[in-house]
N, C-alpha and C. Protein backbone atom coordinates (compact mmCIF):
# COMPACT_ATOMS: atom_id res chain seq x y z
N MET A 1 -46.43 124.07 22.06
CA MET A 1 -47.50 123.62 21.19
C MET A 1 -47.58 124.47 19.92
N LYS A 2 -47.27 125.76 20.03
CA LYS A 2 -47.39 126.64 18.86
C LYS A 2 -46.51 126.18 17.70
N THR A 3 -45.28 125.78 17.98
CA THR A 3 -44.40 125.38 16.89
C THR A 3 -44.83 124.04 16.28
N LEU A 4 -45.47 123.19 17.08
CA LEU A 4 -45.93 121.90 16.57
C LEU A 4 -47.28 122.01 15.87
N ASP A 5 -48.01 123.07 16.11
CA ASP A 5 -49.38 123.21 15.63
C ASP A 5 -49.54 124.47 14.80
N PRO A 6 -48.93 124.52 13.60
CA PRO A 6 -48.98 125.75 12.81
C PRO A 6 -50.39 126.15 12.36
N ASP A 7 -51.32 125.20 12.28
CA ASP A 7 -52.69 125.56 11.89
C ASP A 7 -53.55 125.99 13.08
N ASN A 8 -52.95 125.96 14.27
CA ASN A 8 -53.60 126.44 15.50
C ASN A 8 -54.96 125.80 15.78
N ASP A 9 -55.08 124.50 15.50
CA ASP A 9 -56.34 123.82 15.79
C ASP A 9 -56.33 123.15 17.17
N GLY A 10 -55.23 123.31 17.91
CA GLY A 10 -55.16 122.76 19.26
C GLY A 10 -54.69 121.32 19.33
N THR A 11 -54.35 120.75 18.18
CA THR A 11 -53.84 119.38 18.15
C THR A 11 -52.66 119.30 17.19
N VAL A 12 -51.91 118.20 17.29
CA VAL A 12 -50.80 117.93 16.38
C VAL A 12 -51.19 116.70 15.57
N ASP A 13 -51.18 116.84 14.23
CA ASP A 13 -51.46 115.68 13.39
C ASP A 13 -50.15 115.11 12.86
N MET A 14 -50.23 114.01 12.14
CA MET A 14 -49.02 113.33 11.68
C MET A 14 -48.19 114.20 10.75
N ASN A 15 -48.83 114.96 9.86
CA ASN A 15 -48.07 115.83 8.96
C ASN A 15 -47.30 116.90 9.73
N GLU A 16 -47.95 117.46 10.75
CA GLU A 16 -47.27 118.45 11.58
C GLU A 16 -46.11 117.81 12.34
N ALA A 17 -46.33 116.58 12.82
CA ALA A 17 -45.28 115.86 13.54
C ALA A 17 -44.08 115.59 12.64
N LYS A 18 -44.34 115.16 11.41
CA LYS A 18 -43.25 114.87 10.47
C LYS A 18 -42.49 116.14 10.10
N ALA A 19 -43.20 117.24 9.92
CA ALA A 19 -42.54 118.51 9.60
C ALA A 19 -41.65 118.95 10.77
N ALA A 20 -42.17 118.81 11.98
CA ALA A 20 -41.38 119.18 13.17
C ALA A 20 -40.17 118.26 13.31
N ALA A 21 -40.35 116.98 13.00
CA ALA A 21 -39.24 116.02 13.08
C ALA A 21 -38.15 116.37 12.08
N ALA A 22 -38.53 116.74 10.87
CA ALA A 22 -37.54 117.11 9.86
C ALA A 22 -36.75 118.35 10.28
N THR A 23 -37.44 119.31 10.86
CA THR A 23 -36.77 120.52 11.34
C THR A 23 -35.81 120.18 12.48
N GLU A 24 -36.27 119.33 13.41
CA GLU A 24 -35.42 118.94 14.54
C GLU A 24 -34.22 118.12 14.06
N PHE A 25 -34.44 117.26 13.09
CA PHE A 25 -33.35 116.45 12.53
C PHE A 25 -32.25 117.37 11.99
N LYS A 26 -32.64 118.36 11.21
CA LYS A 26 -31.65 119.30 10.65
C LYS A 26 -30.91 120.05 11.75
N ARG A 27 -31.64 120.43 12.81
CA ARG A 27 -31.02 121.15 13.92
C ARG A 27 -30.02 120.27 14.66
N LEU A 28 -30.37 118.99 14.84
CA LEU A 28 -29.50 118.07 15.57
C LEU A 28 -28.28 117.63 14.76
N ASP A 29 -28.37 117.65 13.45
CA ASP A 29 -27.30 117.17 12.57
C ASP A 29 -26.18 118.21 12.49
N LYS A 30 -25.44 118.32 13.59
CA LYS A 30 -24.40 119.35 13.73
C LYS A 30 -23.30 119.27 12.68
N ASP A 31 -22.96 118.04 12.26
CA ASP A 31 -21.89 117.89 11.27
C ASP A 31 -22.42 117.87 9.83
N ASN A 32 -23.71 118.07 9.67
CA ASN A 32 -24.35 118.15 8.35
C ASN A 32 -24.02 116.97 7.43
N ASP A 33 -23.96 115.77 8.01
CA ASP A 33 -23.68 114.59 7.18
C ASP A 33 -24.94 113.82 6.78
N GLY A 34 -26.10 114.35 7.16
CA GLY A 34 -27.36 113.72 6.78
C GLY A 34 -27.76 112.55 7.66
N THR A 35 -27.03 112.36 8.76
CA THR A 35 -27.36 111.31 9.71
C THR A 35 -27.19 111.84 11.13
N LEU A 36 -27.82 111.13 12.06
CA LEU A 36 -27.66 111.45 13.47
C LEU A 36 -27.01 110.27 14.15
N ASP A 37 -25.95 110.53 14.91
CA ASP A 37 -25.29 109.47 15.67
C ASP A 37 -25.72 109.57 17.14
N ALA A 38 -25.22 108.66 17.94
CA ALA A 38 -25.60 108.61 19.36
C ALA A 38 -25.31 109.93 20.07
N LYS A 39 -24.20 110.57 19.72
CA LYS A 39 -23.85 111.84 20.37
C LYS A 39 -24.88 112.92 20.02
N GLU A 40 -25.29 112.98 18.76
CA GLU A 40 -26.27 113.98 18.33
C GLU A 40 -27.67 113.68 18.90
N LEU A 41 -27.93 112.42 19.20
CA LEU A 41 -29.24 112.02 19.73
C LEU A 41 -29.29 111.94 21.25
N LYS A 42 -28.19 112.30 21.90
CA LYS A 42 -28.11 112.19 23.36
C LYS A 42 -29.29 112.89 24.03
N GLY A 43 -29.89 112.19 24.98
CA GLY A 43 -31.02 112.74 25.71
C GLY A 43 -32.36 112.50 25.02
N ARG A 44 -32.32 112.03 23.80
CA ARG A 44 -33.54 111.76 23.06
C ARG A 44 -33.77 110.26 22.88
N LEU A 45 -32.71 109.56 22.47
CA LEU A 45 -32.77 108.12 22.27
C LEU A 45 -31.53 107.49 22.87
N ASP A 46 -31.70 106.35 23.52
CA ASP A 46 -30.53 105.64 24.03
C ASP A 46 -30.00 104.71 22.93
N LYS A 47 -28.85 104.10 23.20
CA LYS A 47 -28.20 103.27 22.18
C LYS A 47 -29.08 102.11 21.73
N SER A 48 -29.83 101.52 22.65
CA SER A 48 -30.69 100.40 22.27
C SER A 48 -31.82 100.85 21.34
N ALA A 49 -32.39 102.02 21.58
CA ALA A 49 -33.44 102.56 20.70
C ALA A 49 -32.88 102.90 19.33
N ILE A 50 -31.66 103.41 19.30
CA ILE A 50 -31.01 103.72 18.02
C ILE A 50 -30.80 102.44 17.24
N LYS A 51 -30.31 101.41 17.92
CA LYS A 51 -30.06 100.13 17.25
C LYS A 51 -31.34 99.55 16.66
N LYS A 52 -32.45 99.62 17.40
CA LYS A 52 -33.74 99.11 16.91
C LYS A 52 -34.23 99.88 15.69
N ALA A 53 -33.92 101.16 15.63
CA ALA A 53 -34.40 102.02 14.55
C ALA A 53 -33.42 102.10 13.38
N ASP A 54 -32.38 101.31 13.41
CA ASP A 54 -31.30 101.39 12.42
C ASP A 54 -31.22 100.11 11.59
N PRO A 55 -32.14 99.91 10.62
CA PRO A 55 -32.18 98.66 9.87
C PRO A 55 -30.93 98.38 9.05
N ASP A 56 -30.21 99.41 8.65
CA ASP A 56 -28.99 99.18 7.87
C ASP A 56 -27.76 98.99 8.75
N ASN A 57 -27.96 99.06 10.06
CA ASN A 57 -26.90 98.81 11.05
C ASN A 57 -25.62 99.62 10.83
N ASP A 58 -25.79 100.88 10.42
CA ASP A 58 -24.61 101.73 10.25
C ASP A 58 -24.30 102.57 11.48
N GLY A 59 -25.11 102.41 12.53
CA GLY A 59 -24.86 103.12 13.77
C GLY A 59 -25.38 104.54 13.81
N THR A 60 -26.06 104.95 12.74
CA THR A 60 -26.64 106.29 12.67
C THR A 60 -28.06 106.18 12.14
N LEU A 61 -28.81 107.27 12.29
CA LEU A 61 -30.16 107.34 11.75
C LEU A 61 -30.23 108.41 10.68
N ASP A 62 -30.73 108.03 9.50
CA ASP A 62 -30.99 109.05 8.48
C ASP A 62 -32.38 109.62 8.72
N LEU A 63 -32.78 110.57 7.91
CA LEU A 63 -34.06 111.22 8.13
C LEU A 63 -35.23 110.23 8.08
N ASN A 64 -35.20 109.28 7.16
CA ASN A 64 -36.29 108.30 7.06
C ASN A 64 -36.36 107.44 8.31
N GLU A 65 -35.22 107.00 8.81
CA GLU A 65 -35.19 106.18 10.03
C GLU A 65 -35.67 106.99 11.23
N TYR A 66 -35.26 108.24 11.30
CA TYR A 66 -35.68 109.12 12.40
C TYR A 66 -37.19 109.36 12.34
N THR A 67 -37.68 109.63 11.15
CA THR A 67 -39.11 109.88 10.97
C THR A 67 -39.94 108.64 11.34
N ALA A 68 -39.41 107.46 11.06
CA ALA A 68 -40.12 106.23 11.42
C ALA A 68 -40.30 106.13 12.94
N ILE A 69 -39.29 106.53 13.70
CA ILE A 69 -39.40 106.53 15.16
C ILE A 69 -40.45 107.55 15.60
N VAL A 70 -40.42 108.72 15.00
CA VAL A 70 -41.39 109.76 15.34
C VAL A 70 -42.82 109.25 15.08
N GLU A 71 -43.03 108.60 13.93
CA GLU A 71 -44.35 108.06 13.62
C GLU A 71 -44.78 107.02 14.65
N LYS A 72 -43.88 106.13 15.01
CA LYS A 72 -44.18 105.08 15.99
C LYS A 72 -44.55 105.71 17.33
N ASP A 73 -43.76 106.68 17.77
CA ASP A 73 -44.03 107.33 19.06
C ASP A 73 -45.30 108.18 19.01
N PHE A 74 -45.58 108.79 17.86
CA PHE A 74 -46.83 109.54 17.68
C PHE A 74 -48.02 108.61 17.88
N LYS A 75 -47.99 107.47 17.19
CA LYS A 75 -49.10 106.51 17.30
C LYS A 75 -49.26 105.98 18.72
N ALA A 76 -48.15 105.76 19.40
CA ALA A 76 -48.21 105.28 20.78
C ALA A 76 -48.83 106.33 21.71
N ALA A 77 -48.64 107.60 21.38
CA ALA A 77 -49.16 108.69 22.22
C ALA A 77 -50.61 109.05 21.87
N ASP A 78 -51.19 108.34 20.91
CA ASP A 78 -52.54 108.62 20.43
C ASP A 78 -53.49 107.48 20.79
N PRO A 79 -53.82 107.32 22.09
CA PRO A 79 -54.61 106.16 22.52
C PRO A 79 -56.01 106.10 21.94
N ASP A 80 -56.59 107.24 21.56
CA ASP A 80 -57.93 107.22 20.99
C ASP A 80 -57.91 107.02 19.47
N ASN A 81 -56.70 106.92 18.91
CA ASN A 81 -56.52 106.66 17.47
C ASN A 81 -57.28 107.62 16.57
N ASP A 82 -57.35 108.88 16.97
CA ASP A 82 -58.04 109.84 16.12
C ASP A 82 -57.09 110.54 15.14
N GLY A 83 -55.81 110.18 15.18
CA GLY A 83 -54.84 110.74 14.24
C GLY A 83 -54.29 112.08 14.64
N THR A 84 -54.64 112.52 15.84
CA THR A 84 -54.11 113.78 16.35
C THR A 84 -53.71 113.61 17.81
N LEU A 85 -52.81 114.47 18.24
CA LEU A 85 -52.41 114.49 19.65
C LEU A 85 -52.91 115.79 20.26
N SER A 86 -53.71 115.65 21.30
CA SER A 86 -54.21 116.80 22.03
C SER A 86 -53.15 117.23 23.05
N GLU A 87 -53.40 118.34 23.68
CA GLU A 87 -52.47 118.80 24.71
C GLU A 87 -52.39 117.78 25.85
N ALA A 88 -53.53 117.19 26.22
CA ALA A 88 -53.54 116.18 27.28
C ALA A 88 -52.72 114.95 26.87
N GLU A 89 -52.84 114.53 25.62
CA GLU A 89 -52.07 113.37 25.15
C GLU A 89 -50.58 113.69 25.13
N LEU A 90 -50.23 114.91 24.78
CA LEU A 90 -48.82 115.32 24.77
C LEU A 90 -48.23 115.36 26.18
N LYS A 91 -49.07 115.56 27.18
CA LYS A 91 -48.60 115.61 28.57
C LYS A 91 -48.42 114.21 29.16
N SER A 92 -48.96 113.19 28.49
CA SER A 92 -48.83 111.82 28.98
C SER A 92 -47.37 111.36 28.87
N LYS A 93 -47.06 110.25 29.51
CA LYS A 93 -45.70 109.71 29.46
C LYS A 93 -45.29 109.42 28.00
N LYS A 94 -46.19 108.83 27.23
CA LYS A 94 -45.88 108.52 25.83
C LYS A 94 -45.81 109.81 25.00
N GLY A 95 -46.62 110.78 25.35
CA GLY A 95 -46.56 112.07 24.68
C GLY A 95 -45.25 112.79 24.93
N GLN A 96 -44.75 112.69 26.15
CA GLN A 96 -43.46 113.29 26.50
C GLN A 96 -42.33 112.62 25.74
N LYS A 97 -42.42 111.30 25.57
CA LYS A 97 -41.41 110.57 24.80
C LYS A 97 -41.41 111.07 23.35
N PHE A 98 -42.59 111.25 22.77
CA PHE A 98 -42.73 111.79 21.42
C PHE A 98 -42.12 113.19 21.33
N LEU A 99 -42.43 114.03 22.31
CA LEU A 99 -41.96 115.42 22.28
C LEU A 99 -40.44 115.53 22.31
N LYS A 100 -39.75 114.55 22.90
CA LYS A 100 -38.29 114.58 22.90
C LYS A 100 -37.71 114.54 21.49
N LEU A 101 -38.48 114.00 20.57
CA LEU A 101 -37.98 113.82 19.21
C LEU A 101 -38.31 114.98 18.27
N VAL A 102 -39.27 115.80 18.64
CA VAL A 102 -39.67 116.89 17.77
C VAL A 102 -39.37 118.23 18.40
């Protein structure tokens, strides 16, 4: 939670989620080509999820495409729609799915 919550307010907001996603994207991009392929995303997204998130159909996700998935999963993990994820929300099944990406 500490790395996702730099302001230490006990929740993760969308800006914090996007910042964490950008950091994770850079870490995962082992070949530094600015995209993530199925191998780099292994354990986080399956091929069908990658295909859904890949509007240009190039078989990879750029930072914008990756961030769009993070935003979608963030919103899914926020059932009270308050714009933040609490520790309890992060422990939920949808919260765990979100955490795989950040």
